N, C-alpha and C. Protein backbone atom coordinates (compact mmCIF):
# COMPACT_ATOMS: atom_id res chain seq x y z
N MET A 1 -23.90 0.00 8.73
CA MET A 1 -25.27 -0.27 9.58
C MET A 1 -25.78 -1.22 9.40
N VAL A 2 -26.58 -2.00 10.34
CA VAL A 2 -27.84 -2.83 9.87
C VAL A 2 -28.75 -2.66 10.93
N TRP A 3 -30.02 -2.37 10.72
CA TRP A 3 -30.90 -2.67 12.03
C TRP A 3 -31.96 -3.64 11.93
N ASP A 4 -32.31 -3.95 13.08
CA ASP A 4 -32.97 -5.05 13.17
C ASP A 4 -34.36 -5.19 12.75
N TYR A 5 -34.80 -3.61 12.98
CA TYR A 5 -35.92 -3.39 12.16
C TYR A 5 -35.94 -1.72 12.62
N HIS A 6 -36.77 -1.17 11.58
CA HIS A 6 -37.13 0.27 11.27
C HIS A 6 -38.42 0.74 10.66
N VAL A 7 -39.19 1.68 11.54
CA VAL A 7 -40.43 1.99 10.76
C VAL A 7 -40.29 3.26 10.18
N VAL A 8 -40.72 3.58 8.66
CA VAL A 8 -40.97 4.46 8.04
C VAL A 8 -42.47 4.85 7.73
N LEU A 9 -42.68 6.12 7.12
CA LEU A 9 -44.14 5.85 6.93
C LEU A 9 -43.85 6.50 5.31
N LEU A 10 -44.75 5.45 4.62
CA LEU A 10 -44.77 5.56 3.13
C LEU A 10 -46.16 5.96 2.96
N VAL A 11 -46.13 7.03 2.11
CA VAL A 11 -47.18 7.80 1.52
C VAL A 11 -47.50 8.09 0.30
N ARG A 12 -48.61 8.00 -0.25
CA ARG A 12 -48.79 8.62 -1.56
C ARG A 12 -49.32 9.70 -1.63
N ARG A 13 -48.26 10.94 -2.17
CA ARG A 13 -48.82 11.93 -2.37
C ARG A 13 -49.55 12.47 -3.84
N ASP A 14 -50.71 13.54 -3.81
CA ASP A 14 -51.19 13.59 -4.86
C ASP A 14 -50.58 15.11 -5.34
N PRO A 15 -49.63 15.06 -6.40
CA PRO A 15 -48.77 16.48 -6.68
C PRO A 15 -50.05 17.47 -7.14
N ALA A 16 -51.27 16.95 -7.63
CA ALA A 16 -52.27 18.17 -8.02
C ALA A 16 -52.79 18.83 -7.03
N ASN A 17 -52.65 18.10 -5.74
CA ASN A 17 -53.10 19.16 -4.54
C ASN A 17 -51.80 19.57 -3.34
N ASP A 18 -50.44 19.53 -4.50
CA ASP A 18 -49.43 20.04 -3.79
C ASP A 18 -49.53 21.68 -3.44
N ALA A 19 -49.31 22.20 -2.24
CA ALA A 19 -49.62 23.57 -2.11
C ALA A 19 -48.35 24.25 -2.21
N ARG A 20 -47.31 23.73 -2.21
CA ARG A 20 -45.64 24.09 -2.22
C ARG A 20 -45.51 24.88 -3.47
N PRO A 21 -44.99 26.12 -3.22
CA PRO A 21 -44.91 26.95 -4.69
C PRO A 21 -43.59 26.04 -5.77
N PRO A 22 -43.78 25.96 -6.78
CA PRO A 22 -43.14 25.42 -7.81
C PRO A 22 -41.58 25.49 -7.82
N ALA A 23 -41.10 26.64 -7.40
CA ALA A 23 -40.13 26.75 -6.99
C ALA A 23 -39.18 26.17 -5.75
N THR A 24 -39.77 26.23 -4.79
CA THR A 24 -39.30 25.22 -3.80
C THR A 24 -39.09 23.68 -3.97
N MET A 25 -39.89 23.25 -4.97
CA MET A 25 -39.81 22.10 -5.34
C MET A 25 -38.69 21.27 -5.84
N HIS A 26 -38.34 19.93 -5.63
CA HIS A 26 -37.13 19.35 -5.96
C HIS A 26 -37.55 18.87 -7.37
N PRO A 27 -36.64 18.50 -8.27
CA PRO A 27 -36.89 18.00 -9.56
C PRO A 27 -37.91 17.06 -9.70
N VAL A 28 -37.72 15.77 -8.76
CA VAL A 28 -38.63 14.61 -8.83
C VAL A 28 -39.76 15.30 -8.45
N ASP A 29 -40.19 15.98 -7.72
CA ASP A 29 -41.62 16.33 -7.49
C ASP A 29 -42.32 16.47 -8.70
N THR A 30 -41.76 16.91 -10.00
CA THR A 30 -42.99 17.23 -10.56
C THR A 30 -43.12 16.07 -11.72
N ASP A 31 -42.45 15.36 -11.43
CA ASP A 31 -42.12 14.09 -12.32
C ASP A 31 -43.13 12.75 -11.23
N PRO A 32 -44.48 12.83 -11.70
CA PRO A 32 -45.86 12.26 -11.13
C PRO A 32 -45.20 10.47 -10.85
N GLU A 33 -44.50 10.01 -12.04
CA GLU A 33 -44.23 8.68 -11.84
C GLU A 33 -43.01 8.53 -10.61
N LEU A 34 -42.05 9.46 -10.32
CA LEU A 34 -41.16 9.37 -9.17
C LEU A 34 -41.53 9.98 -8.06
N SER A 35 -42.59 10.81 -8.14
CA SER A 35 -43.57 11.70 -6.75
C SER A 35 -44.41 11.15 -6.38
N ALA A 36 -45.10 9.93 -6.95
CA ALA A 36 -46.24 9.39 -6.15
C ALA A 36 -46.10 8.77 -4.64
N TRP A 37 -45.05 8.40 -4.33
CA TRP A 37 -44.67 7.96 -3.21
C TRP A 37 -43.53 8.79 -2.28
N GLU A 38 -43.86 8.85 -1.10
CA GLU A 38 -42.99 9.49 -0.34
C GLU A 38 -42.52 8.79 0.92
N ILE A 39 -41.18 8.95 1.60
CA ILE A 39 -41.16 8.09 2.71
C ILE A 39 -40.65 9.13 3.73
N TRP A 40 -41.14 9.09 4.76
CA TRP A 40 -41.09 10.20 6.14
C TRP A 40 -40.20 9.12 7.11
N ASP A 41 -38.95 9.55 7.26
CA ASP A 41 -38.37 8.89 7.95
C ASP A 41 -37.34 9.76 8.95
N PRO A 42 -38.13 9.95 10.37
CA PRO A 42 -37.16 11.03 11.07
C PRO A 42 -35.68 10.58 11.90
N ASP A 43 -35.36 9.31 11.37
CA ASP A 43 -33.75 8.85 11.76
C ASP A 43 -33.30 9.03 10.64
N SER A 44 -33.74 9.28 9.58
CA SER A 44 -32.36 9.51 8.19
C SER A 44 -32.02 10.95 8.42
N SER A 45 -30.61 11.02 7.44
CA SER A 45 -30.02 12.38 7.17
C SER A 45 -30.92 12.74 6.00
N LEU A 46 -31.77 12.01 5.02
CA LEU A 46 -32.28 12.30 4.11
C LEU A 46 -33.33 13.08 4.07
N PRO A 47 -33.85 14.19 3.15
CA PRO A 47 -34.90 15.16 3.19
C PRO A 47 -36.18 14.46 3.85
N ARG A 48 -37.08 15.15 4.49
CA ARG A 48 -38.54 14.66 4.91
C ARG A 48 -39.17 15.27 4.49
N PRO A 49 -40.50 15.12 3.71
CA PRO A 49 -40.34 13.64 3.18
C PRO A 49 -39.23 13.42 2.06
N SER A 50 -38.91 12.39 1.35
CA SER A 50 -37.80 11.83 0.53
C SER A 50 -38.82 11.17 -0.47
N CYS A 51 -38.39 11.38 -1.69
CA CYS A 51 -39.17 10.54 -2.85
C CYS A 51 -38.82 9.11 -2.24
N ALA A 52 -39.85 8.16 -2.54
CA ALA A 52 -39.34 6.85 -2.08
C ALA A 52 -38.25 6.01 -2.66
N ARG A 53 -38.20 6.30 -4.21
CA ARG A 53 -37.30 5.81 -5.09
C ARG A 53 -35.76 6.30 -4.61
N GLU A 54 -36.03 7.54 -4.36
CA GLU A 54 -34.68 8.10 -3.79
C GLU A 54 -34.40 7.51 -2.60
N TYR A 55 -35.02 7.54 -1.69
CA TYR A 55 -35.00 6.97 -0.35
C TYR A 55 -34.31 5.66 -0.37
N LEU A 56 -34.99 4.67 -1.10
CA LEU A 56 -34.47 3.57 -1.12
C LEU A 56 -33.08 3.22 -1.72
N ASP A 57 -33.03 3.97 -3.17
CA ASP A 57 -31.57 4.08 -3.53
C ASP A 57 -30.40 4.35 -2.36
N ALA A 58 -30.82 5.51 -1.72
CA ALA A 58 -29.78 5.99 -0.67
C ALA A 58 -29.67 5.06 0.27
N SER A 59 -30.64 4.84 0.64
CA SER A 59 -30.75 3.75 2.10
C SER A 59 -30.03 2.24 1.91
N PHE A 60 -30.64 2.06 0.45
CA PHE A 60 -30.10 0.27 0.37
C PHE A 60 -29.09 0.16 -0.65
N PRO A 61 -27.92 1.24 -0.84
CA PRO A 61 -27.22 1.11 -2.32
C PRO A 61 -26.42 -0.38 -2.46
N VAL A 62 -26.26 -0.89 -1.53
CA VAL A 62 -25.32 -2.36 -2.11
C VAL A 62 -26.16 -3.54 -1.60
N SER A 63 -27.31 -3.25 -1.64
CA SER A 63 -28.51 -4.39 -0.70
C SER A 63 -28.30 -6.21 -1.43
N ASP A 64 -27.61 -6.24 -2.83
CA ASP A 64 -27.26 -7.18 -3.32
C ASP A 64 -26.26 -7.96 -3.22
N SER A 65 -25.26 -7.32 -2.83
CA SER A 65 -24.01 -7.57 -2.24
C SER A 65 -24.07 -7.90 -0.62
N ILE A 66 -24.59 -8.05 0.17
CA ILE A 66 -24.86 -8.31 1.22
C ILE A 66 -25.41 -9.69 1.69
N PRO A 67 -24.78 -10.45 2.53
CA PRO A 67 -25.66 -11.86 3.01
C PRO A 67 -27.14 -11.55 2.79
N GLU A 68 -27.75 -12.76 2.68
CA GLU A 68 -29.35 -12.74 2.19
C GLU A 68 -29.85 -12.54 3.47
N SER A 69 -29.35 -13.36 4.88
CA SER A 69 -30.03 -13.07 5.71
C SER A 69 -30.16 -11.37 6.47
N PHE A 70 -29.13 -10.61 5.75
CA PHE A 70 -29.26 -9.36 6.30
C PHE A 70 -29.84 -8.40 5.34
N ARG A 71 -30.35 -8.78 3.93
CA ARG A 71 -30.90 -8.37 3.20
C ARG A 71 -32.40 -7.19 3.59
N PRO A 72 -32.65 -6.17 3.49
CA PRO A 72 -33.62 -5.75 3.91
C PRO A 72 -35.29 -6.46 3.61
N GLY A 73 -35.99 -6.18 4.45
CA GLY A 73 -37.51 -6.91 3.93
C GLY A 73 -38.49 -5.67 4.55
N PHE A 74 -40.10 -5.91 3.70
CA PHE A 74 -40.61 -4.76 4.14
C PHE A 74 -42.23 -5.41 4.29
N ARG A 75 -42.39 -4.73 5.14
CA ARG A 75 -44.01 -5.17 5.73
C ARG A 75 -45.15 -3.78 5.20
N ILE A 76 -46.06 -3.54 4.24
CA ILE A 76 -46.70 -2.40 4.04
C ILE A 76 -48.24 -3.14 5.00
N ILE A 77 -48.52 -2.05 5.39
CA ILE A 77 -49.52 -1.90 6.12
C ILE A 77 -50.22 -0.64 6.23
N PRO A 78 -51.30 -0.84 5.92
CA PRO A 78 -52.34 0.56 5.88
C PRO A 78 -52.07 0.86 7.16
N ALA A 79 -52.24 2.45 7.60
CA ALA A 79 -52.16 3.00 8.63
C ALA A 79 -52.97 2.60 9.77
N SER A 80 -54.11 2.51 9.14
CA SER A 80 -55.49 2.28 9.86
C SER A 80 -55.44 0.90 10.62
N THR A 81 -54.59 0.20 9.91
CA THR A 81 -54.84 -1.66 10.31
C THR A 81 -53.72 -1.58 11.30
N PHE A 82 -52.87 -0.94 11.03
CA PHE A 82 -51.42 -0.49 11.94
C PHE A 82 -51.87 -0.09 13.49
N LEU A 83 -53.07 0.94 13.51
CA LEU A 83 -53.17 1.62 14.62
C LEU A 83 -54.40 0.81 15.23
N LEU A 84 -54.88 -0.08 14.42
CA LEU A 84 -55.78 -1.08 15.30
C LEU A 84 -54.98 -2.15 15.55
N GLU A 85 -54.20 -2.50 15.30
CA GLU A 85 -53.37 -4.25 15.35
C GLU A 85 -52.26 -4.21 16.24
N PHE A 86 -51.55 -2.89 16.37
CA PHE A 86 -50.09 -2.93 16.70
C PHE A 86 -50.50 -2.60 18.34
N HIS A 87 -49.73 -3.14 19.22
CA HIS A 87 -49.79 -3.16 20.61
C HIS A 87 -48.49 -3.33 21.17
N SER A 88 -48.40 -2.12 22.02
CA SER A 88 -47.00 -2.02 22.85
C SER A 88 -46.75 -1.17 23.57
N ASP A 89 -46.42 -1.83 24.87
CA ASP A 89 -46.39 -1.10 26.21
C ASP A 89 -44.71 -0.48 26.32
N ARG A 90 -44.11 -0.95 25.37
CA ARG A 90 -42.55 -0.55 24.82
C ARG A 90 -41.75 -1.36 25.90
N SER A 91 -41.86 -2.43 26.51
CA SER A 91 -41.29 -3.26 27.42
C SER A 91 -40.14 -3.78 26.63
N HIS A 92 -40.21 -3.89 25.23
CA HIS A 92 -39.03 -4.37 24.43
C HIS A 92 -37.74 -2.83 24.39
N MET A 93 -37.97 -1.87 24.88
CA MET A 93 -37.40 -0.88 25.05
C MET A 93 -36.47 -0.52 26.43
N LYS A 94 -37.37 -1.29 27.12
CA LYS A 94 -36.45 -1.35 28.49
C LYS A 94 -35.20 -2.65 28.86
N THR A 95 -34.72 -2.28 29.87
CA THR A 95 -33.73 -3.23 30.48
C THR A 95 -34.00 -3.52 32.04
N GLN A 96 -33.30 -4.37 33.12
CA GLN A 96 -33.47 -4.31 34.50
C GLN A 96 -33.11 -2.51 34.94
N GLU A 97 -31.99 -1.93 34.47
CA GLU A 97 -31.65 -0.74 34.69
C GLU A 97 -32.72 0.52 34.30
N GLY A 98 -33.47 0.22 33.34
CA GLY A 98 -34.14 1.10 32.54
C GLY A 98 -34.37 1.28 31.64
N TRP A 99 -34.68 2.45 30.98
CA TRP A 99 -34.65 2.39 29.48
C TRP A 99 -33.44 2.31 28.47
N ARG A 100 -33.45 1.40 27.50
CA ARG A 100 -32.58 1.51 26.62
C ARG A 100 -32.01 3.01 25.85
N ALA A 101 -33.03 3.50 25.93
CA ALA A 101 -33.10 5.02 24.87
C ALA A 101 -33.94 5.91 25.48
N THR A 102 -34.00 7.11 25.20
CA THR A 102 -35.60 7.87 25.61
C THR A 102 -36.57 7.30 24.71
N PRO A 103 -37.79 6.97 25.39
CA PRO A 103 -38.72 6.61 24.40
C PRO A 103 -39.56 7.94 23.67
N PRO A 104 -39.87 7.55 22.61
CA PRO A 104 -40.96 8.61 22.12
C PRO A 104 -41.69 9.47 22.71
N VAL A 105 -41.95 10.85 22.70
CA VAL A 105 -42.80 11.50 23.40
C VAL A 105 -44.24 11.44 23.25
N TRP A 106 -44.66 10.70 22.34
CA TRP A 106 -45.85 10.29 21.74
C TRP A 106 -46.30 9.20 22.40
N GLN A 107 -47.56 8.89 22.80
CA GLN A 107 -47.99 7.96 23.84
C GLN A 107 -48.09 6.38 23.14
N ALA A 108 -47.74 5.29 23.80
CA ALA A 108 -47.72 4.03 22.99
C ALA A 108 -48.99 3.63 22.49
N ILE A 109 -48.74 3.05 21.29
CA ILE A 109 -49.84 2.44 20.20
C ILE A 109 -50.08 1.46 21.19
N LEU A 110 -51.80 1.25 21.42
CA LEU A 110 -52.26 0.01 22.01
C LEU A 110 -53.27 -0.11 21.23
N GLY A 111 -53.13 -0.82 20.11
CA GLY A 111 -54.03 -1.23 19.38
C GLY A 111 -55.41 -2.00 19.92
N PRO A 112 -56.63 -1.64 19.80
CA PRO A 112 -57.93 -2.15 20.72
C PRO A 112 -57.82 -3.62 19.87
N HIS A 113 -57.47 -4.06 18.68
CA HIS A 113 -57.91 -5.25 18.03
C HIS A 113 -56.76 -6.13 17.95
N ALA A 114 -55.52 -6.08 18.75
CA ALA A 114 -54.21 -6.79 18.65
C ALA A 114 -54.45 -7.97 19.20
N GLU A 115 -53.62 -9.02 18.48
CA GLU A 115 -54.24 -10.46 19.09
C GLU A 115 -54.05 -10.60 20.41
N PHE A 116 -54.74 -11.37 21.11
CA PHE A 116 -54.72 -11.20 22.37
C PHE A 116 -53.54 -12.05 23.10
N PRO A 117 -52.52 -12.55 22.55
CA PRO A 117 -51.27 -13.02 23.43
C PRO A 117 -50.66 -11.71 24.26
N ALA A 118 -50.72 -10.41 22.94
CA ALA A 118 -50.17 -9.18 23.15
C ALA A 118 -51.04 -8.89 24.43
N ARG A 119 -52.31 -8.56 23.94
CA ARG A 119 -52.98 -7.78 25.02
C ARG A 119 -52.93 -8.32 26.27
N ARG A 120 -52.90 -9.54 26.59
CA ARG A 120 -53.48 -10.48 27.72
C ARG A 120 -51.87 -10.32 28.83
N ALA A 121 -50.84 -10.32 28.04
CA ALA A 121 -49.37 -10.22 28.65
C ALA A 121 -49.22 -8.79 28.89
N GLY A 122 -50.01 -7.75 27.91
CA GLY A 122 -49.55 -6.40 28.61
C GLY A 122 -48.42 -5.99 27.85
N THR A 123 -48.04 -6.59 27.05
CA THR A 123 -46.64 -6.04 26.54
C THR A 123 -46.96 -6.07 25.13
N HIS A 124 -46.21 -6.59 24.28
CA HIS A 124 -46.28 -6.03 22.59
C HIS A 124 -46.52 -7.36 21.55
N ASN A 125 -46.71 -7.18 20.43
CA ASN A 125 -46.70 -7.57 19.52
C ASN A 125 -45.96 -7.38 18.35
N LEU A 126 -44.80 -6.80 18.47
CA LEU A 126 -43.67 -6.23 17.92
C LEU A 126 -43.25 -7.16 16.80
N ASP A 127 -42.75 -8.31 17.53
CA ASP A 127 -42.46 -9.32 16.94
C ASP A 127 -42.78 -10.08 15.73
N ALA A 128 -44.29 -10.05 15.56
CA ALA A 128 -45.00 -10.47 14.38
C ALA A 128 -45.16 -9.24 13.70
N PHE A 129 -44.96 -8.34 13.78
CA PHE A 129 -44.74 -6.98 12.84
C PHE A 129 -43.36 -7.12 12.03
N ILE A 130 -42.32 -7.53 13.05
CA ILE A 130 -40.93 -7.56 12.05
C ILE A 130 -40.53 -8.67 11.10
N ASP A 131 -41.28 -9.82 11.86
CA ASP A 131 -40.99 -11.00 11.25
C ASP A 131 -41.52 -11.11 9.53
N VAL A 132 -40.62 -10.70 8.54
CA VAL A 132 -41.41 -10.63 7.60
C VAL A 132 -41.58 -11.90 6.57
N SER A 133 -41.32 -13.02 7.55
CA SER A 133 -41.13 -14.44 6.70
C SER A 133 -42.33 -15.06 7.08
N THR A 134 -43.16 -14.34 7.71
CA THR A 134 -44.70 -15.05 8.22
C THR A 134 -46.01 -14.28 7.71
N ASN A 135 -46.88 -14.84 7.54
CA ASN A 135 -48.33 -13.93 6.89
C ASN A 135 -48.92 -13.60 7.92
N PHE A 136 -48.37 -12.25 8.57
CA PHE A 136 -49.32 -12.01 9.60
C PHE A 136 -50.28 -10.71 9.11
N LEU A 137 -49.60 -9.54 8.71
CA LEU A 137 -50.58 -8.52 8.29
C LEU A 137 -50.02 -8.01 7.18
N GLY A 138 -50.64 -7.29 6.48
CA GLY A 138 -49.90 -6.55 5.55
C GLY A 138 -49.38 -7.46 4.08
N GLU A 139 -48.63 -6.81 3.20
CA GLU A 139 -47.72 -7.57 2.24
C GLU A 139 -46.52 -7.32 2.56
N CYS A 140 -45.43 -8.54 2.39
CA CYS A 140 -43.95 -8.37 2.51
C CYS A 140 -43.34 -8.53 1.41
N LEU A 141 -42.34 -7.74 1.02
CA LEU A 141 -41.67 -7.65 0.22
C LEU A 141 -40.36 -7.29 0.54
N ASP A 142 -39.28 -7.95 -0.62
CA ASP A 142 -37.98 -7.66 -0.21
C ASP A 142 -37.85 -6.46 -1.13
N LEU A 143 -36.70 -5.84 -1.43
CA LEU A 143 -36.35 -4.60 -1.74
C LEU A 143 -36.77 -4.34 -3.09
N LYS A 144 -36.52 -5.51 -3.98
CA LYS A 144 -37.04 -5.21 -5.48
C LYS A 144 -38.48 -5.08 -5.22
N GLY A 145 -39.16 -6.03 -4.96
CA GLY A 145 -40.62 -5.98 -4.67
C GLY A 145 -41.12 -4.82 -4.25
N LEU A 146 -40.59 -3.96 -3.42
CA LEU A 146 -40.96 -2.88 -2.86
C LEU A 146 -40.83 -1.54 -3.96
N GLN A 147 -39.87 -1.48 -4.60
CA GLN A 147 -39.45 -1.16 -5.74
C GLN A 147 -40.72 -1.02 -6.58
N ALA A 148 -40.81 -2.38 -7.00
CA ALA A 148 -42.02 -2.83 -8.24
C ALA A 148 -43.14 -2.42 -7.42
N TRP A 149 -43.45 -2.49 -6.35
CA TRP A 149 -44.69 -2.29 -5.80
C TRP A 149 -45.07 -0.45 -5.85
N ILE A 150 -43.84 0.66 -5.30
CA ILE A 150 -44.29 1.82 -5.35
C ILE A 150 -44.09 2.27 -6.92
N SER A 151 -43.95 1.33 -7.76
CA SER A 151 -43.63 2.04 -9.47
C SER A 151 -45.11 1.34 -10.23
N ALA A 152 -46.17 0.59 -9.41
CA ALA A 152 -47.09 0.00 -9.87
C ALA A 152 -48.07 1.08 -10.24
N ALA A 153 -49.39 1.36 -10.79
CA ALA A 153 -50.12 2.23 -10.79
C ALA A 153 -50.95 2.32 -9.40
N PRO A 154 -51.17 3.63 -9.16
CA PRO A 154 -51.80 3.75 -7.58
C PRO A 154 -53.30 2.98 -7.59
N SER A 155 -53.81 2.50 -8.42
CA SER A 155 -54.95 1.67 -8.18
C SER A 155 -54.52 0.20 -8.07
N GLN A 156 -53.36 -0.10 -8.18
CA GLN A 156 -52.67 -1.30 -8.06
C GLN A 156 -52.49 -1.62 -6.80
N SER A 157 -52.19 -0.72 -6.15
CA SER A 157 -51.45 -0.47 -4.40
C SER A 157 -52.21 0.00 -3.61
N ASP A 158 -52.71 -0.56 -2.27
CA ASP A 158 -53.64 0.00 -1.52
C ASP A 158 -52.92 0.20 0.02
N ALA A 159 -52.54 1.54 0.14
CA ALA A 159 -51.84 1.70 1.45
C ALA A 159 -52.35 2.63 2.00
């Protein structure tokens, strides 16, 4: 399966403040190097949350063997920036006949600081977010770059 884009939540967890009983934790949860980052993906069959390293290994097991144009790219954006800058009326999810799929139950994100072409047209700036070949917002990385990013010391990464 190849997605044109997919959104997940990457969260830095503080194991020291984890309220779960140790007996319920996965072994990687007790290794600070492995468990510093989690990925929440509601469309995945993997656990929620998943250790970021395990999620990436399971989700992209053959990345090096696929054509470069299909290899994953990632845009890392702080949640606060995303909520301010992203703007979508969900028109990209519609056809003339109606919805391509049932829209999410939450309200559309209509960021107040979104660049004006999206706001003026009343549509979306999704294309700018998913094009990882442009210097739009955040940091764009390939799979190896993201793996290195999540392995960096927390003080070196700001998400």
